[in-house]
C-alpha cells in the first residue's frame, strides 16, 4: 500500500464545504469521484481540516492510499482536465505511509476579506461592509486573542470536540488598497471560529463593545455573548504548514 498527498485550491462558492454531505455536493466528493475514475478503484481521502459551505481554500492538503505506485505528475495533470473548474490540483506526491494530512498539520492560516464597496469582480470572495471601523482598536483586541487559549465562545455549539483550546500565534487586520484583510494563524481552529471572531472584532471596530468587554466575552466561554458569524464567502484557508 502506498500513500499520496495532494495539494489543492478551490473556490468554495458552489460547494457545501470540504467534507462529504448526504444530500449536497462537497469538494471531497468531487475529488474522490474523479480520482476513483482515473485510478479505476474507489478512493477515499482525508483532508487537513474542514471548510464550511462557501468557504474557499488557496491551499488545502489531503491524503489517500492506493495499492500500487502511480505516476503523480500524470495523474495530477489528468485530474485537472476532468475535475470541476472550481478546483485545481497543484501537486500530487508520495508520502510515508504514516503521514496524516489532518493530524500532522502544525499550523493553519486563514484570511478574511472585507470590501467597503460593491465590486463585481470579487463579489464571491469578499464581504461588502461599508461602515467605518477603528483598525487600531481591532488590532488591540487581536492582542487579547493571543493572550488566550480557550475559544469556546467563538465555537459552533454542540460541536464534537475534546476541548476548545487553540494556540493562536498571529492575528492582525491590515488595509490593502481598498480591501480590509484579517489574518489569523493557529495550530487548530474550531468550527465557525474565524467567522465568529471576525464578527466580534467588527463590534470592537464599531465601538459597540470595549476591549475589556471583548476579553470578558472570551472568558465567558459562551457563544451567545460573541458577535455574529460573518458571511462565508470572505473566508480563505490560505496556508497549511507541516
C-alpha atoms as a PDB file:
ATOM      1  CA  UNK A   1       0.000   0.000   0.000  1.00  0.00           C
ATOM      2  CA  UNK A   2       1.246   3.493  -0.897  1.00  0.00           C
ATOM      3  CA  UNK A   3       0.137   6.856   0.494  1.00  0.00           C
ATOM      4  CA  UNK A   4      -0.134  10.028  -1.555  1.00  0.00           C
ATOM      5  CA  UNK A   5      -0.627  13.656  -0.586  1.00  0.00           C
ATOM      6  CA  UNK A   6      -2.456  16.093  -2.809  1.00  0.00           C
ATOM      7  CA  UNK A   7      -2.352  19.891  -2.682  1.00  0.00           C
ATOM      8  CA  UNK A   8      -5.460  21.691  -3.893  1.00  0.00           C
ATOM      9  CA  UNK A   9      -7.026  25.103  -4.163  1.00  0.00           C
ATOM     10  CA  UNK A  10     -10.734  25.677  -4.602  1.00  0.00           C
ATOM     11  CA  UNK A  11     -13.466  28.249  -4.988  1.00  0.00           C
ATOM     12  CA  UNK A  12     -15.970  27.167  -2.369  1.00  0.00           C
ATOM     13  CA  UNK A  13     -18.913  29.164  -3.712  1.00  0.00           C
ATOM     14  CA  UNK A  14     -20.689  26.207  -5.306  1.00  0.00           C
ATOM     15  CA  UNK A  15     -19.746  23.608  -2.693  1.00  0.00           C
ATOM     16  CA  UNK A  16     -21.196  22.691   0.686  1.00  0.00           C
ATOM     17  CA  UNK A  17     -17.762  22.722   2.256  1.00  0.00           C
ATOM     18  CA  UNK A  18     -14.896  20.251   2.030  1.00  0.00           C
ATOM     19  CA  UNK A  19     -16.437  17.289   3.826  1.00  0.00           C
ATOM     20  CA  UNK A  20     -18.846  14.846   2.185  1.00  0.00           C
ATOM     21  CA  UNK A  21     -22.520  15.571   2.782  1.00  0.00           C
ATOM     22  CA  UNK A  22     -25.507  13.258   2.420  1.00  0.00           C
ATOM     23  CA  UNK A  23     -27.543  15.459   0.090  1.00  0.00           C
ATOM     24  CA  UNK A  24     -25.169  18.183  -1.107  1.00  0.00           C
ATOM     25  CA  UNK A  25     -22.073  18.376  -3.288  1.00  0.00           C
ATOM     26  CA  UNK A  26     -18.755  18.862  -1.494  1.00  0.00           C
ATOM     27  CA  UNK A  27     -15.143  19.330  -2.564  1.00  0.00           C
ATOM     28  CA  UNK A  28     -14.226  15.963  -1.048  1.00  0.00           C
ATOM     29  CA  UNK A  29     -16.918  14.160  -3.028  1.00  0.00           C
ATOM     30  CA  UNK A  30     -15.872  15.784  -6.292  1.00  0.00           C
ATOM     31  CA  UNK A  31     -12.203  14.944  -5.678  1.00  0.00           C
ATOM     32  CA  UNK A  32     -12.858  11.340  -4.664  1.00  0.00           C
ATOM     33  CA  UNK A  33     -15.145  10.690  -7.620  1.00  0.00           C
ATOM     34  CA  UNK A  34     -12.599  11.973 -10.121  1.00  0.00           C
ATOM     35  CA  UNK A  35      -9.643  10.180  -8.502  1.00  0.00           C
ATOM     36  CA  UNK A  36     -11.664   6.950  -8.422  1.00  0.00           C
ATOM     37  CA  UNK A  37     -12.410   7.358 -12.112  1.00  0.00           C
ATOM     38  CA  UNK A  38      -8.761   7.952 -13.014  1.00  0.00           C
ATOM     39  CA  UNK A  39      -7.369   5.149 -10.833  1.00  0.00           C
ATOM     40  CA  UNK A  40     -10.251   2.754 -11.533  1.00  0.00           C
ATOM     41  CA  UNK A  41     -10.592   1.995  -7.853  1.00  0.00           C
ATOM     42  CA  UNK A  42     -12.648   3.539  -5.031  1.00  0.00           C
ATOM     43  CA  UNK A  43     -10.583   6.326  -3.440  1.00  0.00           C
ATOM     44  CA  UNK A  44     -11.199   7.830  -0.017  1.00  0.00           C
ATOM     45  CA  UNK A  45      -9.382  10.986   1.068  1.00  0.00           C
ATOM     46  CA  UNK A  46      -8.653  12.612   4.416  1.00  0.00           C
ATOM     47  CA  UNK A  47      -8.298  16.384   4.407  1.00  0.00           C
ATOM     48  CA  UNK A  48      -6.216  18.704   6.575  1.00  0.00           C
ATOM     49  CA  UNK A  49      -9.443  20.015   8.091  1.00  0.00           C
ATOM     50  CA  UNK A  50     -12.904  21.023   7.055  1.00  0.00           C
ATOM     51  CA  UNK A  51     -14.138  24.222   5.470  1.00  0.00           C
ATOM     52  CA  UNK A  52     -17.774  25.251   5.756  1.00  0.00           C
ATOM     53  CA  UNK A  53     -20.206  25.895   2.932  1.00  0.00           C
ATOM     54  CA  UNK A  54     -18.988  28.742   0.722  1.00  0.00           C
ATOM     55  CA  UNK A  55     -15.513  28.980   2.276  1.00  0.00           C
ATOM     56  CA  UNK A  56     -12.531  28.966  -0.102  1.00  0.00           C
ATOM     57  CA  UNK A  57      -9.049  27.463   0.065  1.00  0.00           C
ATOM     58  CA  UNK A  58      -5.900  28.801  -1.544  1.00  0.00           C
ATOM     59  CA  UNK A  59      -4.066  25.792  -0.149  1.00  0.00           C
ATOM     60  CA  UNK A  60      -5.639  22.561   1.052  1.00  0.00           C
ATOM     61  CA  UNK A  61      -3.863  19.254   1.639  1.00  0.00           C
ATOM     62  CA  UNK A  62      -5.400  15.783   1.679  1.00  0.00           C
ATOM     63  CA  UNK A  63      -4.055  12.242   1.504  1.00  0.00           C
ATOM     64  CA  UNK A  64      -5.236   8.899   0.148  1.00  0.00           C
ATOM     65  CA  UNK A  65      -3.942   5.339  -0.127  1.00  0.00           C
ATOM     66  CA  UNK A  66      -3.526   3.245  -3.270  1.00  0.00           C
ATOM     67  CA  UNK A  67      -2.393  -0.317  -3.882  1.00  0.00           C
ATOM     68  CA  UNK A  68       0.335   0.445  -6.443  1.00  0.00           C
ATOM     69  CA  UNK A  69       2.746   3.248  -7.297  1.00  0.00           C
ATOM     70  CA  UNK A  70       1.298   5.880  -9.574  1.00  0.00           C
ATOM     71  CA  UNK A  71       2.734   8.496 -11.903  1.00  0.00           C
ATOM     72  CA  UNK A  72       1.963  11.515  -9.734  1.00  0.00           C
ATOM     73  CA  UNK A  73       2.572  14.202 -12.353  1.00  0.00           C
ATOM     74  CA  UNK A  74       0.456  12.398 -14.924  1.00  0.00           C
ATOM     75  CA  UNK A  75      -2.456  11.822 -12.541  1.00  0.00           C
ATOM     76  CA  UNK A  76      -2.327  15.448 -11.380  1.00  0.00           C
ATOM     77  CA  UNK A  77      -2.477  16.681 -14.989  1.00  0.00           C
ATOM     78  CA  UNK A  78      -5.306  14.312 -15.885  1.00  0.00           C
ATOM     79  CA  UNK A  79      -7.225  15.237 -12.751  1.00  0.00           C
ATOM     80  CA  UNK A  80      -7.163  18.920 -13.668  1.00  0.00           C
ATOM     81  CA  UNK A  81      -8.740  18.092 -17.024  1.00  0.00           C
ATOM     82  CA  UNK A  82     -11.788  16.332 -15.596  1.00  0.00           C
ATOM     83  CA  UNK A  83     -12.379  17.878 -12.166  1.00  0.00           C
ATOM     84  CA  UNK A  84     -14.677  20.862 -11.569  1.00  0.00           C
ATOM     85  CA  UNK A  85     -13.307  24.184 -12.804  1.00  0.00           C
ATOM     86  CA  UNK A  86     -13.671  25.414  -9.220  1.00  0.00           C
ATOM     87  CA  UNK A  87     -10.902  23.039  -8.071  1.00  0.00           C
ATOM     88  CA  UNK A  88      -7.257  22.788  -9.108  1.00  0.00           C
ATOM     89  CA  UNK A  89      -4.642  20.191  -8.201  1.00  0.00           C
ATOM     90  CA  UNK A  90      -1.270  21.893  -7.712  1.00  0.00           C
ATOM     91  CA  UNK A  91       0.732  18.876  -6.671  1.00  0.00           C
ATOM     92  CA  UNK A  92       0.471  15.141  -6.065  1.00  0.00           C
ATOM     93  CA  UNK A  93       3.311  13.256  -4.388  1.00  0.00           C
ATOM     94  CA  UNK A  94       4.123  10.081  -2.481  1.00  0.00           C
ATOM     95  CA  UNK A  95       4.488  10.425   1.295  1.00  0.00           C
ATOM     96  CA  UNK A  96       5.392   7.998   4.111  1.00  0.00           C
ATOM     97  CA  UNK A  97       2.584   5.561   4.922  1.00  0.00           C
ATOM     98  CA  UNK A  98       2.201   7.142   8.378  1.00  0.00           C
ATOM     99  CA  UNK A  99       1.702  10.673   7.008  1.00  0.00           C
ATOM    100  CA  UNK A 100      -1.647  12.176   8.034  1.00  0.00           C
ATOM    101  CA  UNK A 101      -2.869  15.323   6.276  1.00  0.00           C
ATOM    102  CA  UNK A 102      -5.012  16.301   9.248  1.00  0.00           C
ATOM    103  CA  UNK A 103      -3.060  15.346  12.349  1.00  0.00           C
ATOM    104  CA  UNK A 104       0.421  16.131  11.022  1.00  0.00           C
ATOM    105  CA  UNK A 105      -0.515  19.720  10.150  1.00  0.00           C
ATOM    106  CA  UNK A 106       1.232  22.041  12.627  1.00  0.00           C
ATOM    107  CA  UNK A 107      -0.216  25.413  11.634  1.00  0.00           C
ATOM    108  CA  UNK A 108      -3.133  26.692   9.587  1.00  0.00           C
ATOM    109  CA  UNK A 109      -3.618  30.265   8.382  1.00  0.00           C
ATOM    110  CA  UNK A 110      -6.905  31.877   7.380  1.00  0.00           C
ATOM    111  CA  UNK A 111      -7.704  35.242   5.846  1.00  0.00           C
ATOM    112  CA  UNK A 112     -10.998  37.114   5.891  1.00  0.00           C
ATOM    113  CA  UNK A 113     -11.576  39.775   3.234  1.00  0.00           C
ATOM    114  CA  UNK A 114     -13.848  42.812   3.523  1.00  0.00           C
ATOM    115  CA  UNK A 115     -14.589  45.291   0.747  1.00  0.00           C
ATOM    116  CA  UNK A 116     -16.122  48.714   1.516  1.00  0.00           C
ATOM    117  CA  UNK A 117     -17.962  48.975  -1.777  1.00  0.00           C
ATOM    118  CA  UNK A 118     -19.643  46.756  -4.329  1.00  0.00           C
ATOM    119  CA  UNK A 119     -17.185  45.168  -6.744  1.00  0.00           C
ATOM    120  CA  UNK A 120     -18.492  42.690  -9.359  1.00  0.00           C
ATOM    121  CA  UNK A 121     -15.044  41.106  -9.715  1.00  0.00           C
ATOM    122  CA  UNK A 122     -14.754  39.998  -6.086  1.00  0.00           C
ATOM    123  CA  UNK A 123     -18.430  39.617  -5.154  1.00  0.00           C
ATOM    124  CA  UNK A 124     -17.928  35.894  -4.342  1.00  0.00           C
ATOM    125  CA  UNK A 125     -14.673  36.436  -2.440  1.00  0.00           C
ATOM    126  CA  UNK A 126     -15.269  39.354  -0.059  1.00  0.00           C
ATOM    127  CA  UNK A 127     -17.930  40.617   2.314  1.00  0.00           C
ATOM    128  CA  UNK A 128     -19.250  44.075   1.472  1.00  0.00           C
ATOM    129  CA  UNK A 129     -19.192  46.146   4.658  1.00  0.00           C
ATOM    130  CA  UNK A 130     -19.060  49.903   4.325  1.00  0.00           C
ATOM    131  CA  UNK A 131     -19.253  51.193   7.913  1.00  0.00           C
ATOM    132  CA  UNK A 132     -16.121  52.856   9.277  1.00  0.00           C
ATOM    133  CA  UNK A 133     -14.019  50.630  11.515  1.00  0.00           C
ATOM    134  CA  UNK A 134     -11.316  51.502  14.043  1.00  0.00           C
ATOM    135  CA  UNK A 135      -8.414  49.238  12.997  1.00  0.00           C
ATOM    136  CA  UNK A 136      -6.246  50.320  15.909  1.00  0.00           C
ATOM    137  CA  UNK A 137      -8.845  49.092  18.400  1.00  0.00           C
ATOM    138  CA  UNK A 138      -9.401  45.901  16.423  1.00  0.00           C
ATOM    139  CA  UNK A 139      -5.704  45.083  16.465  1.00  0.00           C
ATOM    140  CA  UNK A 140      -5.556  45.754  20.194  1.00  0.00           C
ATOM    141  CA  UNK A 141      -8.342  43.201  20.521  1.00  0.00           C
ATOM    142  CA  UNK A 142      -6.188  40.814  18.476  1.00  0.00           C
ATOM    143  CA  UNK A 143      -3.553  41.080  21.216  1.00  0.00           C
ATOM    144  CA  UNK A 144      -6.206  39.880  23.658  1.00  0.00           C
ATOM    145  CA  UNK A 145      -6.845  36.889  21.387  1.00  0.00           C
ATOM    146  CA  UNK A 146      -3.166  35.960  21.513  1.00  0.00           C
ATOM    147  CA  UNK A 147      -3.237  36.037  25.320  1.00  0.00           C
ATOM    148  CA  UNK A 148      -5.970  33.380  25.473  1.00  0.00           C
ATOM    149  CA  UNK A 149      -6.210  29.696  24.615  1.00  0.00           C
ATOM    150  CA  UNK A 150      -9.847  28.716  25.223  1.00  0.00           C
ATOM    151  CA  UNK A 151     -12.108  29.906  22.403  1.00  0.00           C
ATOM    152  CA  UNK A 152     -15.353  28.153  23.220  1.00  0.00           C
ATOM    153  CA  UNK A 153     -17.204  31.471  22.882  1.00  0.00           C
ATOM    154  CA  UNK A 154     -16.358  31.503  19.168  1.00  0.00           C
ATOM    155  CA  UNK A 155     -17.208  27.852  18.505  1.00  0.00           C
ATOM    156  CA  UNK A 156     -20.336  26.452  16.950  1.00  0.00           C
ATOM    157  CA  UNK A 157     -22.450  24.918  19.702  1.00  0.00           C
ATOM    158  CA  UNK A 158     -22.905  21.145  20.021  1.00  0.00           C
ATOM    159  CA  UNK A 159     -19.549  20.530  18.351  1.00  0.00           C
ATOM    160  CA  UNK A 160     -17.967  17.128  18.917  1.00  0.00           C
ATOM    161  CA  UNK A 161     -14.513  18.175  20.140  1.00  0.00           C
ATOM    162  CA  UNK A 162     -12.424  17.079  23.122  1.00  0.00           C
ATOM    163  CA  UNK A 163     -11.616  20.662  24.118  1.00  0.00           C
ATOM    164  CA  UNK A 164     -11.833  24.237  22.871  1.00  0.00           C
ATOM    165  CA  UNK A 165      -8.150  25.110  23.252  1.00  0.00           C
ATOM    166  CA  UNK A 166      -6.268  26.632  20.309  1.00  0.00           C
ATOM    167  CA  UNK A 167      -2.799  28.128  20.160  1.00  0.00           C
ATOM    168  CA  UNK A 168      -3.300  31.350  18.192  1.00  0.00           C
ATOM    169  CA  UNK A 169       0.117  32.781  17.327  1.00  0.00           C
ATOM    170  CA  UNK A 170      -0.834  35.570  14.909  1.00  0.00           C
ATOM    171  CA  UNK A 171      -3.898  37.772  14.406  1.00  0.00           C
ATOM    172  CA  UNK A 172      -3.897  41.093  12.579  1.00  0.00           C
ATOM    173  CA  UNK A 173      -6.004  43.458  10.497  1.00  0.00           C
ATOM    174  CA  UNK A 174      -4.404  45.204   7.525  1.00  0.00           C
ATOM    175  CA  UNK A 175      -5.612  47.655   4.912  1.00  0.00           C
ATOM    176  CA  UNK A 176      -4.522  46.563   1.425  1.00  0.00           C
ATOM    177  CA  UNK A 177      -5.592  49.214  -1.067  1.00  0.00           C
ATOM    178  CA  UNK A 178      -9.389  49.270  -0.741  1.00  0.00           C
ATOM    179  CA  UNK A 179      -9.628  45.854   0.940  1.00  0.00           C
ATOM    180  CA  UNK A 180      -9.535  45.158   4.665  1.00  0.00           C
ATOM    181  CA  UNK A 181      -7.925  41.778   5.419  1.00  0.00           C
ATOM    182  CA  UNK A 182      -7.857  39.865   8.685  1.00  0.00           C
ATOM    183  CA  UNK A 183      -5.166  37.171   9.012  1.00  0.00           C
ATOM    184  CA  UNK A 184      -5.075  34.575  11.772  1.00  0.00           C
ATOM    185  CA  UNK A 185      -2.731  31.627  12.356  1.00  0.00           C
ATOM    186  CA  UNK A 186      -3.177  28.808  14.865  1.00  0.00           C
ATOM    187  CA  UNK A 187      -2.418  25.151  15.417  1.00  0.00           C
ATOM    188  CA  UNK A 188      -6.125  24.325  15.099  1.00  0.00           C
ATOM    189  CA  UNK A 189      -9.469  26.030  14.615  1.00  0.00           C
ATOM    190  CA  UNK A 190     -12.914  25.254  15.964  1.00  0.00           C
ATOM    191  CA  UNK A 191     -15.977  25.094  13.741  1.00  0.00           C
ATOM    192  CA  UNK A 192     -17.080  28.591  12.718  1.00  0.00           C
ATOM    193  CA  UNK A 193     -14.311  30.076  14.894  1.00  0.00           C
ATOM    194  CA  UNK A 194     -12.767  32.532  12.439  1.00  0.00           C
ATOM    195  CA  UNK A 195     -16.091  33.920  11.235  1.00  0.00           C
ATOM    196  CA  UNK A 196     -17.283  34.410  14.821  1.00  0.00           C
ATOM    197  CA  UNK A 197     -14.005  36.103  15.778  1.00  0.00           C
ATOM    198  CA  UNK A 198     -14.309  38.478  12.819  1.00  0.00           C
ATOM    199  CA  UNK A 199     -17.902  39.313  13.729  1.00  0.00           C
ATOM    200  CA  UNK A 200     -16.889  40.120  17.299  1.00  0.00           C
ATOM    201  CA  UNK A 201     -13.866  42.164  16.221  1.00  0.00           C
ATOM    202  CA  UNK A 202     -16.199  44.135  13.950  1.00  0.00           C
ATOM    203  CA  UNK A 203     -18.195  45.040  17.074  1.00  0.00           C
ATOM    204  CA  UNK A 204     -14.945  46.317  18.623  1.00  0.00           C
ATOM    205  CA  UNK A 205     -14.173  48.324  15.478  1.00  0.00           C
ATOM    206  CA  UNK A 206     -17.663  49.847  15.545  1.00  0.00           C
ATOM    207  CA  UNK A 207     -17.170  50.629  19.267  1.00  0.00           C
ATOM    208  CA  UNK A 208     -20.232  48.585  20.181  1.00  0.00           C
ATOM    209  CA  UNK A 209     -18.094  46.777  22.751  1.00  0.00           C
ATOM    210  CA  UNK A 210     -14.927  47.817  24.586  1.00  0.00           C
ATOM    211  CA  UNK A 211     -11.629  45.949  24.696  1.00  0.00           C
ATOM    212  CA  UNK A 212     -12.436  44.921  28.262  1.00  0.00           C
ATOM    213  CA  UNK A 213     -15.819  43.554  27.145  1.00  0.00           C
ATOM    214  CA  UNK A 214     -14.085  41.666  24.342  1.00  0.00           C
ATOM    215  CA  UNK A 215     -11.874  39.954  26.911  1.00  0.00           C
ATOM    216  CA  UNK A 216     -14.883  39.162  29.101  1.00  0.00           C
ATOM    217  CA  UNK A 217     -16.633  37.538  26.121  1.00  0.00           C
ATOM    218  CA  UNK A 218     -13.701  35.156  25.705  1.00  0.00           C
ATOM    219  CA  UNK A 219     -13.674  34.406  29.430  1.00  0.00           C
ATOM    220  CA  UNK A 220     -17.418  33.679  29.388  1.00  0.00           C
ATOM    221  CA  UNK A 221     -16.967  30.678  27.041  1.00  0.00           C
ATOM    222  CA  UNK A 222     -20.499  31.421  25.839  1.00  0.00           C
ATOM    223  CA  UNK A 223     -21.179  31.655  22.087  1.00  0.00           C
ATOM    224  CA  UNK A 224     -24.265  33.811  22.637  1.00  0.00           C
ATOM    225  CA  UNK A 225     -22.080  36.577  24.095  1.00  0.00           C
ATOM    226  CA  UNK A 226     -19.897  36.863  20.986  1.00  0.00           C
ATOM    227  CA  UNK A 227     -20.706  38.638  17.742  1.00  0.00           C
ATOM    228  CA  UNK A 228     -22.467  37.325  14.668  1.00  0.00           C
ATOM    229  CA  UNK A 229     -20.832  34.903  12.284  1.00  0.00           C
ATOM    230  CA  UNK A 230     -19.838  36.893   9.188  1.00  0.00           C
ATOM    231  CA  UNK A 231     -20.624  35.538   5.680  1.00  0.00           C
ATOM    232  CA  UNK A 232     -18.577  32.552   4.492  1.00  0.00           C
ATOM    233  CA  UNK A 233     -17.630  33.996   1.101  1.00  0.00           C
ATOM    234  CA  UNK A 234     -14.943  36.285   2.560  1.00  0.00           C
ATOM    235  CA  UNK A 235     -13.056  33.444   4.261  1.00  0.00           C
ATOM    236  CA  UNK A 236      -9.998  31.668   2.809  1.00  0.00           C
ATOM    237  CA  UNK A 237      -7.799  28.892   4.132  1.00  0.00           C
ATOM    238  CA  UNK A 238      -4.511  30.257   2.808  1.00  0.00           C
ATOM    239  CA  UNK A 239      -1.726  28.083   4.217  1.00  0.00           C
ATOM    240  CA  UNK A 240      -1.189  24.695   5.836  1.00  0.00           C
ATOM    241  CA  UNK A 241       2.200  24.001   7.410  1.00  0.00           C
ATOM    242  CA  UNK A 242       3.707  20.604   8.296  1.00  0.00           C
END
